[in-house]
Amino acid sequence: MTACNRSEPAMSRDLSTAEADVAAGGRGLATLNPAPVKAYQVTLRINGAPGTFQHVRGSAQYDVVNEEQCGHIEPATGTPSRITSQEPLELTRISDEEYQGTLYLDRMQDQDYYGRGLCRWEFTGAGALLKATGAHEETRFLTFMDAPELMAGKMYTRHYPQHDYPRAGPVKGRPDLPWRDDYPSRGREDLNEFVPELQDALFSISMTAVEIKS
């Protein structure tokens, strides 16, 4: 029986490593819920893109809402570090313009991980990263939809310059902008935020979600 029990120093090292991971932006000791039930079907639609996207990766974000009771506490200030987790959201290709996947609001396991009380997780949003083929130098087209809009069934759309596909290059009239590898293009919600000459050369990425009734 003694051999099966972990020593206090070993447990302390595990806790220290977990807290350091949280401080660096990881989820530390947190684990996934083995039986999530609150499901939504997410649909990603692409409209007017100058080419196809072979590299499409989704993610769902979860945050602890009571980090003061669990996770890393900064010794110098006594303040807690935000605990967050980006979990993969598998998106299946339906067509060149549409991808779908299932996310779970209760994907993370609420539990007392640090001996200071129950860590309570909350789904805070879902996003996607798209690249033409996945090559490093290609533009990363990024989108993210906050949880309230997603759960309300709203459509979230962002617009992107076509000239950023597949790789962000010099912009007409801006010789100071060189070719940019792995450029993060986050787009705009409002078309009017683009200069007039670009407004007719945009494409969009939209996200919607529908609750899956059990």
Protein backbone atom coordinates (compact mmCIF):
# COMPACT_ATOMS: atom_id res chain seq x y z
CA MET A 1 0.00 0.00 0.00
CA THR A 2 2.85 2.37 0.85
CA ALA A 3 4.41 1.87 -2.57
CA CYS A 4 1.14 2.90 -4.23
CA ASN A 5 0.94 6.22 -2.43
CA ARG A 6 2.70 9.17 -3.99
CA SER A 7 5.05 11.11 -1.74
CA GLU A 8 4.21 14.64 -0.65
CA PRO A 9 7.29 16.06 -2.43
CA ALA A 10 6.15 14.43 -5.70
CA MET A 11 2.64 15.82 -5.34
CA SER A 12 4.09 19.22 -4.50
CA ARG A 13 6.22 19.13 -7.66
CA ASP A 14 3.15 18.23 -9.76
CA LEU A 15 1.21 21.13 -8.27
CA SER A 16 4.10 23.52 -8.83
CA THR A 17 4.40 22.41 -12.46
CA ALA A 18 0.65 22.77 -12.97
CA GLU A 19 0.58 26.26 -11.49
CA ALA A 20 3.52 27.29 -13.70
CA ASP A 21 1.62 25.96 -16.72
CA VAL A 22 -1.43 28.04 -15.75
CA ALA A 23 0.77 31.11 -15.32
CA ALA A 24 2.07 30.51 -18.87
CA GLY A 25 -1.47 30.30 -20.29
CA GLY A 26 -2.13 26.56 -20.00
CA ARG A 27 -4.87 24.70 -18.14
CA GLY A 28 -2.65 23.06 -15.52
CA LEU A 29 -4.26 20.08 -13.79
CA ALA A 30 -7.63 20.57 -15.47
CA THR A 31 -9.12 17.63 -17.36
CA LEU A 32 -11.85 17.13 -19.93
CA ASN A 33 -15.37 16.14 -19.00
CA PRO A 34 -15.68 12.46 -20.00
CA ALA A 35 -19.42 12.79 -20.72
CA PRO A 36 -20.33 16.29 -22.00
CA VAL A 37 -23.97 16.79 -23.00
CA LYS A 38 -24.52 20.47 -23.87
CA ALA A 39 -23.85 20.28 -27.60
CA TYR A 40 -24.00 22.82 -30.43
CA GLN A 41 -23.46 22.28 -34.14
CA VAL A 42 -21.18 24.99 -35.49
CA THR A 43 -21.21 25.91 -39.18
CA LEU A 44 -18.40 27.87 -40.83
CA ARG A 45 -19.23 29.40 -44.23
CA ILE A 46 -16.84 31.06 -46.68
CA ASN A 47 -18.18 33.45 -49.29
CA GLY A 48 -16.31 34.92 -52.25
CA ALA A 49 -12.82 33.67 -51.39
CA PRO A 50 -10.32 33.76 -54.27
CA GLY A 51 -9.38 30.12 -53.63
CA THR A 52 -10.02 27.11 -51.43
CA PHE A 53 -8.86 26.42 -47.88
CA GLN A 54 -7.26 23.05 -47.27
CA HIS A 55 -6.17 23.91 -43.73
CA VAL A 56 -9.12 24.68 -41.44
CA ARG A 57 -8.73 24.34 -37.68
CA GLY A 58 -11.43 25.15 -35.14
CA SER A 59 -11.11 25.75 -31.41
CA ALA A 60 -13.39 26.27 -28.43
CA GLN A 61 -12.30 28.46 -25.55
CA TYR A 62 -13.11 27.82 -21.89
CA ASP A 63 -12.24 30.03 -18.91
CA VAL A 64 -12.39 29.43 -15.18
CA VAL A 65 -14.80 31.95 -13.64
CA ASN A 66 -13.40 31.73 -10.09
CA GLU A 67 -9.63 31.72 -10.60
CA GLU A 68 -9.15 33.29 -7.16
CA GLN A 69 -10.14 29.93 -5.63
CA CYS A 70 -7.97 27.70 -7.81
CA GLY A 71 -4.87 27.81 -9.95
CA HIS A 72 -1.69 29.82 -9.73
CA ILE A 73 -1.45 32.68 -7.24
CA GLU A 74 1.29 35.21 -7.98
CA PRO A 75 3.42 35.24 -4.80
CA ALA A 76 4.56 38.84 -5.21
CA THR A 77 1.07 40.30 -5.47
CA GLY A 78 -1.27 37.59 -4.22
CA THR A 79 -3.34 37.90 -7.42
CA PRO A 80 -4.65 34.85 -9.31
CA SER A 81 -3.72 34.06 -12.90
CA ARG A 82 -6.49 33.63 -15.45
CA ILE A 83 -7.03 29.96 -16.29
CA THR A 84 -8.07 29.29 -19.86
CA SER A 85 -8.10 26.36 -22.26
CA GLN A 86 -8.28 26.26 -26.04
CA GLU A 87 -9.68 22.86 -26.98
CA PRO A 88 -9.70 21.57 -30.58
CA LEU A 89 -13.02 21.85 -32.43
CA GLU A 90 -12.96 19.40 -35.32
CA LEU A 91 -14.50 20.93 -38.43
CA THR A 92 -15.55 18.57 -41.20
CA ARG A 93 -15.52 19.77 -44.81
CA ILE A 94 -19.03 19.77 -46.29
CA SER A 95 -17.96 21.67 -49.42
CA ASP A 96 -15.32 24.22 -50.45
CA GLU A 97 -17.47 26.87 -48.78
CA GLU A 98 -18.81 25.07 -45.70
CA TYR A 99 -17.44 23.25 -42.66
CA GLN A 100 -19.27 21.86 -39.64
CA GLY A 101 -18.36 20.61 -36.19
CA THR A 102 -19.80 19.86 -32.76
CA LEU A 103 -18.74 21.73 -29.64
CA TYR A 104 -19.74 21.12 -26.04
CA LEU A 105 -20.35 23.92 -23.56
CA ASP A 106 -19.47 21.54 -20.71
CA ARG A 107 -16.26 20.18 -22.31
CA MET A 108 -14.16 20.97 -19.23
CA GLN A 109 -14.45 19.11 -15.93
CA ASP A 110 -15.36 21.20 -12.85
CA GLN A 111 -13.20 19.91 -10.02
CA ASP A 112 -11.10 20.91 -6.99
CA TYR A 113 -7.69 20.66 -8.69
CA TYR A 114 -5.63 22.75 -6.30
CA GLY A 115 -7.17 22.08 -2.88
CA ARG A 116 -8.64 25.57 -2.64
CA GLY A 117 -12.17 24.92 -3.89
CA LEU A 118 -14.07 23.86 -6.99
CA CYS A 119 -12.72 25.28 -10.27
CA ARG A 120 -15.77 26.24 -12.34
CA TRP A 121 -15.33 26.36 -16.11
CA GLU A 122 -17.38 28.38 -18.59
CA PHE A 123 -17.48 28.21 -22.39
CA THR A 124 -16.52 31.68 -23.69
CA GLY A 125 -16.41 31.34 -27.47
CA ALA A 126 -15.34 29.47 -30.59
CA GLY A 127 -13.04 30.37 -33.44
CA ALA A 128 -11.23 29.11 -36.50
CA LEU A 129 -7.94 29.48 -38.32
CA LEU A 130 -7.87 29.02 -42.10
CA LYS A 131 -4.94 28.76 -44.52
CA ALA A 132 -4.90 28.01 -48.23
CA THR A 133 -2.79 24.83 -47.94
CA GLY A 134 -1.25 25.11 -44.47
CA ALA A 135 2.19 26.29 -45.62
CA HIS A 136 4.00 28.42 -43.07
CA GLU A 137 4.25 31.55 -45.21
CA GLU A 138 0.53 31.66 -45.99
CA THR A 139 -1.86 34.08 -44.31
CA ARG A 140 -3.71 32.93 -41.21
CA PHE A 141 -7.34 34.02 -41.61
CA LEU A 142 -8.76 34.21 -38.10
CA THR A 143 -12.27 34.52 -36.70
CA PHE A 144 -13.77 34.19 -33.21
CA MET A 145 -17.38 34.29 -32.01
CA ASP A 146 -18.24 35.07 -28.39
CA ALA A 147 -20.40 32.60 -26.45
CA PRO A 148 -23.55 34.78 -25.98
CA GLU A 149 -23.93 35.42 -29.73
CA LEU A 150 -23.16 31.80 -30.58
CA MET A 151 -25.68 30.37 -28.14
CA ALA A 152 -28.30 32.88 -29.30
CA GLY A 153 -28.09 31.47 -32.83
CA LYS A 154 -26.76 34.69 -34.35
CA MET A 155 -24.58 34.80 -37.46
CA TYR A 156 -21.16 36.35 -37.02
CA THR A 157 -19.39 37.55 -40.18
CA ARG A 158 -15.96 39.06 -40.79
CA HIS A 159 -14.61 40.41 -44.08
CA TYR A 160 -11.07 39.95 -45.42
CA PRO A 161 -9.08 41.45 -48.32
CA GLN A 162 -8.74 39.02 -51.20
CA HIS A 163 -5.16 40.18 -51.78
CA ASP A 164 -4.16 38.54 -48.47
CA TYR A 165 -4.86 35.12 -50.03
CA PRO A 166 -2.88 32.91 -50.10
CA ARG A 167 0.00 35.04 -48.80
CA ALA A 168 -0.07 38.66 -47.69
CA GLY A 169 1.89 40.74 -50.16
CA PRO A 170 2.52 44.39 -50.89
CA VAL A 171 -0.59 46.58 -50.95
CA LYS A 172 -1.18 48.95 -53.87
CA GLY A 173 -0.04 52.40 -52.85
CA ARG A 174 1.91 51.04 -49.85
CA PRO A 175 5.40 50.15 -51.12
CA ASP A 176 6.58 50.12 -47.50
CA LEU A 177 4.61 46.90 -46.84
CA PRO A 178 6.67 43.84 -47.88
CA TRP A 179 5.60 40.24 -48.30
CA ARG A 180 4.55 38.96 -44.87
CA ASP A 181 4.92 35.34 -43.83
CA ASP A 182 2.30 33.72 -41.57
CA TYR A 183 0.40 37.01 -41.46
CA PRO A 184 -2.58 37.02 -39.01
CA SER A 185 -5.54 38.52 -40.91
CA ARG A 186 -8.39 39.14 -38.46
CA GLY A 187 -10.68 40.93 -40.89
CA ARG A 188 -13.36 43.49 -40.06
CA GLU A 189 -17.05 43.25 -39.22
CA ASP A 190 -17.87 46.55 -40.92
CA LEU A 191 -17.17 46.83 -44.66
CA ASN A 192 -16.86 50.59 -44.26
CA GLU A 193 -13.67 50.13 -42.25
CA PHE A 194 -11.92 49.23 -45.51
CA VAL A 195 -10.76 51.86 -47.97
CA PRO A 196 -13.18 52.21 -50.93
CA GLU A 197 -10.87 50.50 -53.44
CA LEU A 198 -10.85 47.36 -51.27
CA GLN A 199 -14.56 47.12 -50.58
CA ASP A 200 -15.21 45.38 -53.90
CA ALA A 201 -12.33 42.95 -53.37
CA LEU A 202 -13.28 41.24 -50.13
CA PHE A 203 -14.45 37.81 -49.04
CA SER A 204 -16.16 36.78 -45.82
CA ILE A 205 -16.13 34.05 -43.21
CA SER A 206 -19.33 33.50 -41.20
CA MET A 207 -20.06 31.40 -38.11
CA THR A 208 -23.40 30.19 -36.81
CA ALA A 209 -24.41 27.59 -34.24
CA VAL A 210 -27.52 25.57 -33.47
CA GLU A 211 -28.16 23.71 -30.22
CA ILE A 212 -28.34 19.95 -30.61
CA LYS A 213 -31.38 18.76 -28.69
CA SER A 214 -31.00 15.43 -26.94
